[in-house]
Amino acid sequence: MINLASYPAELDGTDVNNMHERVRIRETFKEFASVFRRPGARMGILNSAVFDGIFKVLKEYLQPVLKSLAISLPLLAAMQIDRRVAVVAGSVYFLLYLAASAASRNAGKYCRRVKGV
């Protein structure tokens, strides 16, 4: 009960400062825009966006290719088509995420080498 009673009023949905919604929205957009003015933050956002974008594009392109590969593989002919596709896609995505994990683990070493050049 003490923990619940000590929560701030903002969590109840009431506006303690009686600040107008438009002012809050404007301030939020200002803060959001200020993130892009800082080079370090901008670089982090761009790196993350590029990485996620590449993975999403690769996923959308790779799935039909993997499906046709799985259907044509004679090694898995004893399995049903859906199971073949699942085995091939799972194996390829396992390798992709394993490579991404290794790249993430070694990113610091790479950055130190590039900065030293």
N, C-alpha and C. Protein backbone atom coordinates (compact mmCIF):
# COMPACT_ATOMS: atom_id res chain seq x y z
N MET A 1 0.81 -1.19 0.00
CA MET A 1 0.00 0.00 0.00
C MET A 1 0.86 1.26 0.00
N ILE A 2 1.97 1.20 0.76
CA ILE A 2 2.86 2.36 0.82
C ILE A 2 3.47 2.60 -0.55
N ASN A 3 3.87 1.53 -1.22
CA ASN A 3 4.47 1.65 -2.55
C ASN A 3 3.47 2.27 -3.52
N LEU A 4 2.24 1.81 -3.48
CA LEU A 4 1.20 2.34 -4.36
C LEU A 4 0.89 3.80 -4.05
N ALA A 5 0.86 4.16 -2.79
CA ALA A 5 0.55 5.54 -2.39
C ALA A 5 1.68 6.50 -2.75
N SER A 6 2.89 5.97 -2.89
CA SER A 6 4.04 6.86 -3.17
C SER A 6 4.24 7.10 -4.67
N TYR A 7 3.43 6.51 -5.53
CA TYR A 7 3.57 6.74 -6.97
C TYR A 7 3.22 8.18 -7.31
N PRO A 8 3.92 8.74 -8.30
CA PRO A 8 3.60 10.13 -8.68
C PRO A 8 2.23 10.22 -9.35
N ALA A 9 1.64 11.39 -9.29
CA ALA A 9 0.30 11.60 -9.84
C ALA A 9 0.28 11.45 -11.36
N GLU A 10 1.42 11.65 -12.04
CA GLU A 10 1.46 11.52 -13.50
C GLU A 10 1.06 10.12 -13.95
N LEU A 11 1.33 9.14 -13.11
CA LEU A 11 1.00 7.76 -13.48
C LEU A 11 -0.49 7.48 -13.40
N ASP A 12 -1.24 8.34 -12.73
CA ASP A 12 -2.69 8.18 -12.66
C ASP A 12 -3.39 8.73 -13.88
N GLY A 13 -2.65 9.39 -14.75
CA GLY A 13 -3.25 9.95 -15.94
C GLY A 13 -3.70 11.38 -15.75
N THR A 14 -3.51 11.92 -14.58
CA THR A 14 -3.87 13.32 -14.36
C THR A 14 -2.68 14.20 -14.69
N ASP A 15 -2.95 15.38 -15.17
CA ASP A 15 -1.90 16.29 -15.57
C ASP A 15 -1.60 17.23 -14.40
N VAL A 16 -0.48 17.00 -13.73
CA VAL A 16 -0.13 17.79 -12.56
C VAL A 16 0.20 19.23 -12.94
N ASN A 17 0.92 19.41 -14.05
CA ASN A 17 1.33 20.75 -14.46
C ASN A 17 0.26 21.48 -15.27
N ASN A 18 -0.82 20.82 -15.62
CA ASN A 18 -1.86 21.39 -16.49
C ASN A 18 -1.26 21.95 -17.78
N MET A 19 -0.27 21.28 -18.28
CA MET A 19 0.40 21.70 -19.51
C MET A 19 -0.45 21.30 -20.70
N HIS A 20 -0.58 22.17 -21.63
CA HIS A 20 -1.43 21.92 -22.79
C HIS A 20 -0.81 20.83 -23.67
N GLU A 21 -1.64 20.00 -24.28
CA GLU A 21 -1.17 18.88 -25.10
C GLU A 21 -0.30 19.35 -26.27
N ARG A 22 -0.69 20.42 -26.94
CA ARG A 22 0.08 20.89 -28.10
C ARG A 22 1.48 21.32 -27.69
N VAL A 23 1.62 21.91 -26.54
CA VAL A 23 2.93 22.33 -26.04
C VAL A 23 3.79 21.10 -25.79
N ARG A 24 3.19 20.10 -25.18
CA ARG A 24 3.94 18.86 -24.92
C ARG A 24 4.36 18.18 -26.22
N ILE A 25 3.46 18.15 -27.19
CA ILE A 25 3.80 17.53 -28.47
C ILE A 25 4.91 18.31 -29.16
N ARG A 26 4.85 19.64 -29.12
CA ARG A 26 5.88 20.47 -29.73
C ARG A 26 7.24 20.22 -29.06
N GLU A 27 7.24 20.14 -27.74
CA GLU A 27 8.48 19.88 -27.01
C GLU A 27 9.03 18.49 -27.34
N THR A 28 8.15 17.54 -27.50
CA THR A 28 8.59 16.19 -27.85
C THR A 28 9.27 16.18 -29.22
N PHE A 29 8.67 16.88 -30.19
CA PHE A 29 9.28 16.95 -31.51
C PHE A 29 10.60 17.71 -31.49
N LYS A 30 10.69 18.74 -30.65
CA LYS A 30 11.96 19.47 -30.53
C LYS A 30 13.06 18.55 -29.99
N GLU A 31 12.72 17.80 -28.96
CA GLU A 31 13.70 16.87 -28.38
C GLU A 31 14.08 15.79 -29.39
N PHE A 32 13.11 15.32 -30.14
CA PHE A 32 13.40 14.31 -31.17
C PHE A 32 14.33 14.87 -32.23
N ALA A 33 14.08 16.10 -32.67
CA ALA A 33 14.94 16.72 -33.68
C ALA A 33 16.33 16.99 -33.13
N SER A 34 16.43 17.29 -31.84
CA SER A 34 17.75 17.57 -31.26
C SER A 34 18.65 16.34 -31.25
N VAL A 35 18.06 15.16 -31.26
CA VAL A 35 18.86 13.93 -31.32
C VAL A 35 19.68 13.90 -32.61
N PHE A 36 19.08 14.37 -33.71
CA PHE A 36 19.77 14.31 -35.00
C PHE A 36 20.82 15.40 -35.15
N ARG A 37 20.86 16.34 -34.23
CA ARG A 37 21.90 17.38 -34.28
C ARG A 37 23.19 16.92 -33.64
N ARG A 38 23.13 15.85 -32.84
CA ARG A 38 24.32 15.31 -32.20
C ARG A 38 24.92 14.24 -33.10
N PRO A 39 26.18 14.43 -33.54
CA PRO A 39 26.77 13.48 -34.50
C PRO A 39 26.83 12.04 -34.00
N GLY A 40 27.15 11.85 -32.74
CA GLY A 40 27.24 10.49 -32.21
C GLY A 40 25.90 9.77 -32.24
N ALA A 41 24.86 10.47 -31.83
CA ALA A 41 23.52 9.88 -31.82
C ALA A 41 23.04 9.63 -33.24
N ARG A 42 23.31 10.59 -34.13
CA ARG A 42 22.90 10.46 -35.53
C ARG A 42 23.56 9.24 -36.16
N MET A 43 24.85 9.06 -35.89
CA MET A 43 25.57 7.92 -36.46
C MET A 43 25.02 6.59 -35.93
N GLY A 44 24.71 6.56 -34.64
CA GLY A 44 24.14 5.34 -34.06
C GLY A 44 22.80 4.99 -34.66
N ILE A 45 21.96 5.98 -34.85
CA ILE A 45 20.63 5.75 -35.44
C ILE A 45 20.77 5.27 -36.88
N LEU A 46 21.65 5.92 -37.64
CA LEU A 46 21.85 5.52 -39.04
C LEU A 46 22.42 4.10 -39.14
N ASN A 47 23.39 3.78 -38.30
CA ASN A 47 23.95 2.42 -38.32
C ASN A 47 22.89 1.38 -38.02
N SER A 48 22.08 1.65 -37.01
CA SER A 48 21.02 0.72 -36.64
C SER A 48 19.99 0.58 -37.75
N ALA A 49 19.62 1.70 -38.35
CA ALA A 49 18.61 1.67 -39.42
C ALA A 49 19.12 0.92 -40.64
N VAL A 50 20.38 1.14 -41.00
CA VAL A 50 20.95 0.44 -42.16
C VAL A 50 21.01 -1.06 -41.89
N PHE A 51 21.47 -1.43 -40.71
CA PHE A 51 21.57 -2.85 -40.36
C PHE A 51 20.20 -3.52 -40.40
N ASP A 52 19.20 -2.90 -39.76
CA ASP A 52 17.86 -3.47 -39.75
C ASP A 52 17.26 -3.51 -41.16
N GLY A 53 17.51 -2.47 -41.94
CA GLY A 53 17.00 -2.42 -43.31
C GLY A 53 17.58 -3.53 -44.17
N ILE A 54 18.86 -3.76 -44.05
CA ILE A 54 19.50 -4.83 -44.82
C ILE A 54 18.91 -6.18 -44.44
N PHE A 55 18.72 -6.41 -43.14
CA PHE A 55 18.16 -7.69 -42.71
C PHE A 55 16.74 -7.88 -43.22
N LYS A 56 15.92 -6.83 -43.19
CA LYS A 56 14.54 -6.97 -43.65
C LYS A 56 14.47 -7.19 -45.16
N VAL A 57 15.28 -6.47 -45.91
CA VAL A 57 15.29 -6.66 -47.36
C VAL A 57 15.81 -8.04 -47.70
N LEU A 58 16.87 -8.46 -47.04
CA LEU A 58 17.43 -9.78 -47.28
C LEU A 58 16.41 -10.87 -46.96
N LYS A 59 15.68 -10.67 -45.88
CA LYS A 59 14.67 -11.67 -45.49
C LYS A 59 13.58 -11.79 -46.55
N GLU A 60 13.10 -10.66 -47.03
CA GLU A 60 12.03 -10.68 -48.03
C GLU A 60 12.50 -11.26 -49.35
N TYR A 61 13.74 -11.07 -49.70
CA TYR A 61 14.28 -11.61 -50.94
C TYR A 61 14.67 -13.07 -50.77
N LEU A 62 15.19 -13.40 -49.61
CA LEU A 62 15.75 -14.73 -49.39
C LEU A 62 14.69 -15.82 -49.24
N GLN A 63 13.55 -15.51 -48.67
CA GLN A 63 12.56 -16.55 -48.41
C GLN A 63 12.05 -17.24 -49.67
N PRO A 64 11.69 -16.53 -50.74
CA PRO A 64 11.26 -17.25 -51.95
C PRO A 64 12.39 -18.07 -52.59
N VAL A 65 13.61 -17.54 -52.51
CA VAL A 65 14.75 -18.27 -53.06
C VAL A 65 14.97 -19.56 -52.27
N LEU A 66 14.89 -19.47 -50.94
CA LEU A 66 15.06 -20.66 -50.11
C LEU A 66 13.94 -21.68 -50.33
N LYS A 67 12.75 -21.19 -50.56
CA LYS A 67 11.63 -22.09 -50.80
C LYS A 67 11.85 -22.88 -52.09
N SER A 68 12.27 -22.19 -53.15
CA SER A 68 12.50 -22.91 -54.41
C SER A 68 13.70 -23.85 -54.29
N LEU A 69 14.71 -23.45 -53.50
CA LEU A 69 15.86 -24.33 -53.29
C LEU A 69 15.45 -25.58 -52.52
N ALA A 70 14.63 -25.40 -51.50
CA ALA A 70 14.20 -26.53 -50.68
C ALA A 70 13.36 -27.50 -51.48
N ILE A 71 12.53 -26.99 -52.37
CA ILE A 71 11.67 -27.86 -53.18
C ILE A 71 12.52 -28.68 -54.15
N SER A 72 13.59 -28.08 -54.65
CA SER A 72 14.40 -28.76 -55.66
C SER A 72 15.50 -29.65 -55.08
N LEU A 73 15.73 -29.62 -53.77
CA LEU A 73 16.79 -30.44 -53.17
C LEU A 73 16.40 -31.92 -53.14
N PRO A 74 17.22 -32.76 -53.75
CA PRO A 74 16.91 -34.19 -53.70
C PRO A 74 17.26 -34.83 -52.35
N LEU A 75 18.13 -34.17 -51.56
CA LEU A 75 18.53 -34.74 -50.28
C LEU A 75 17.37 -34.86 -49.29
N LEU A 76 16.45 -33.96 -49.39
CA LEU A 76 15.33 -33.94 -48.45
C LEU A 76 14.04 -34.41 -49.11
N ALA A 77 14.14 -35.23 -50.13
CA ALA A 77 12.98 -35.66 -50.90
C ALA A 77 11.99 -36.47 -50.06
N ALA A 78 12.47 -37.12 -49.01
CA ALA A 78 11.58 -37.93 -48.19
C ALA A 78 10.65 -37.08 -47.32
N MET A 79 10.98 -35.83 -47.15
CA MET A 79 10.17 -34.94 -46.30
C MET A 79 9.07 -34.27 -47.12
N GLN A 80 8.05 -33.81 -46.42
CA GLN A 80 7.01 -33.02 -47.08
C GLN A 80 7.60 -31.66 -47.43
N ILE A 81 6.98 -30.97 -48.39
CA ILE A 81 7.51 -29.70 -48.89
C ILE A 81 7.63 -28.67 -47.77
N ASP A 82 6.61 -28.57 -46.94
CA ASP A 82 6.64 -27.58 -45.85
C ASP A 82 7.80 -27.85 -44.89
N ARG A 83 8.03 -29.10 -44.60
CA ARG A 83 9.13 -29.44 -43.67
C ARG A 83 10.48 -29.17 -44.32
N ARG A 84 10.60 -29.43 -45.62
CA ARG A 84 11.87 -29.14 -46.32
C ARG A 84 12.17 -27.65 -46.27
N VAL A 85 11.15 -26.85 -46.57
CA VAL A 85 11.33 -25.39 -46.55
C VAL A 85 11.73 -24.94 -45.15
N ALA A 86 11.10 -25.50 -44.13
CA ALA A 86 11.42 -25.13 -42.75
C ALA A 86 12.85 -25.49 -42.39
N VAL A 87 13.30 -26.67 -42.81
CA VAL A 87 14.67 -27.11 -42.50
C VAL A 87 15.69 -26.23 -43.21
N VAL A 88 15.48 -25.95 -44.48
CA VAL A 88 16.44 -25.15 -45.24
C VAL A 88 16.44 -23.70 -44.73
N ALA A 89 15.26 -23.12 -44.56
CA ALA A 89 15.18 -21.73 -44.09
C ALA A 89 15.75 -21.61 -42.68
N GLY A 90 15.43 -22.53 -41.82
CA GLY A 90 15.96 -22.51 -40.46
C GLY A 90 17.47 -22.59 -40.44
N SER A 91 18.02 -23.45 -41.27
CA SER A 91 19.48 -23.59 -41.33
C SER A 91 20.14 -22.31 -41.84
N VAL A 92 19.60 -21.74 -42.88
CA VAL A 92 20.18 -20.52 -43.45
C VAL A 92 20.06 -19.36 -42.46
N TYR A 93 18.91 -19.19 -41.84
CA TYR A 93 18.75 -18.10 -40.87
C TYR A 93 19.62 -18.33 -39.64
N PHE A 94 19.80 -19.58 -39.24
CA PHE A 94 20.71 -19.87 -38.13
C PHE A 94 22.11 -19.38 -38.47
N LEU A 95 22.57 -19.68 -39.67
CA LEU A 95 23.90 -19.23 -40.08
C LEU A 95 23.99 -17.71 -40.19
N LEU A 96 22.94 -17.08 -40.69
CA LEU A 96 22.94 -15.62 -40.79
C LEU A 96 23.01 -14.96 -39.41
N TYR A 97 22.21 -15.43 -38.48
CA TYR A 97 22.22 -14.83 -37.14
C TYR A 97 23.51 -15.17 -36.40
N LEU A 98 24.09 -16.32 -36.67
CA LEU A 98 25.39 -16.65 -36.09
C LEU A 98 26.47 -15.71 -36.62
N ALA A 99 26.42 -15.41 -37.92
CA ALA A 99 27.37 -14.47 -38.50
C ALA A 99 27.16 -13.06 -37.94
N ALA A 100 25.90 -12.66 -37.76
CA ALA A 100 25.61 -11.34 -37.17
C ALA A 100 26.11 -11.26 -35.74
N SER A 101 26.00 -12.35 -35.02
CA SER A 101 26.49 -12.39 -33.64
C SER A 101 28.01 -12.25 -33.61
N ALA A 102 28.69 -12.95 -34.49
CA ALA A 102 30.15 -12.84 -34.55
C ALA A 102 30.59 -11.44 -34.96
N ALA A 103 29.86 -10.84 -35.90
CA ALA A 103 30.18 -9.48 -36.32
C ALA A 103 29.98 -8.50 -35.18
N SER A 104 28.92 -8.68 -34.42
CA SER A 104 28.65 -7.80 -33.29
C SER A 104 29.73 -7.94 -32.22
N ARG A 105 30.13 -9.17 -31.98
CA ARG A 105 31.16 -9.42 -30.98
C ARG A 105 32.49 -8.78 -31.37
N ASN A 106 32.80 -8.75 -32.65
CA ASN A 106 34.09 -8.22 -33.11
C ASN A 106 34.01 -6.78 -33.60
N ALA A 107 32.90 -6.12 -33.41
CA ALA A 107 32.74 -4.75 -33.90
C ALA A 107 33.72 -3.80 -33.23
N GLY A 108 33.98 -3.98 -31.95
CA GLY A 108 34.92 -3.13 -31.24
C GLY A 108 36.32 -3.24 -31.80
N LYS A 109 36.76 -4.44 -32.10
CA LYS A 109 38.09 -4.65 -32.69
C LYS A 109 38.18 -3.96 -34.04
N TYR A 110 37.12 -4.07 -34.82
CA TYR A 110 37.10 -3.45 -36.14
C TYR A 110 37.18 -1.93 -36.02
N CYS A 111 36.41 -1.37 -35.10
CA CYS A 111 36.42 0.10 -34.92
C CYS A 111 37.80 0.59 -34.49
N ARG A 112 38.46 -0.14 -33.61
CA ARG A 112 39.80 0.28 -33.17
C ARG A 112 40.79 0.24 -34.34
N ARG A 113 40.67 -0.75 -35.19
CA ARG A 113 41.57 -0.83 -36.36
C ARG A 113 41.32 0.31 -37.34
N VAL A 114 40.04 0.59 -37.60
CA VAL A 114 39.70 1.64 -38.57
C VAL A 114 40.13 3.00 -38.05
N LYS A 115 39.96 3.27 -36.76
CA LYS A 115 40.37 4.55 -36.19
C LYS A 115 41.88 4.71 -36.21
N GLY A 116 42.60 3.60 -36.14
CA GLY A 116 44.07 3.65 -36.13
C GLY A 116 44.65 3.89 -37.51
N VAL A 117 43.86 3.71 -38.56
CA VAL A 117 44.38 3.86 -39.94
C VAL A 117 44.52 5.29 -40.31
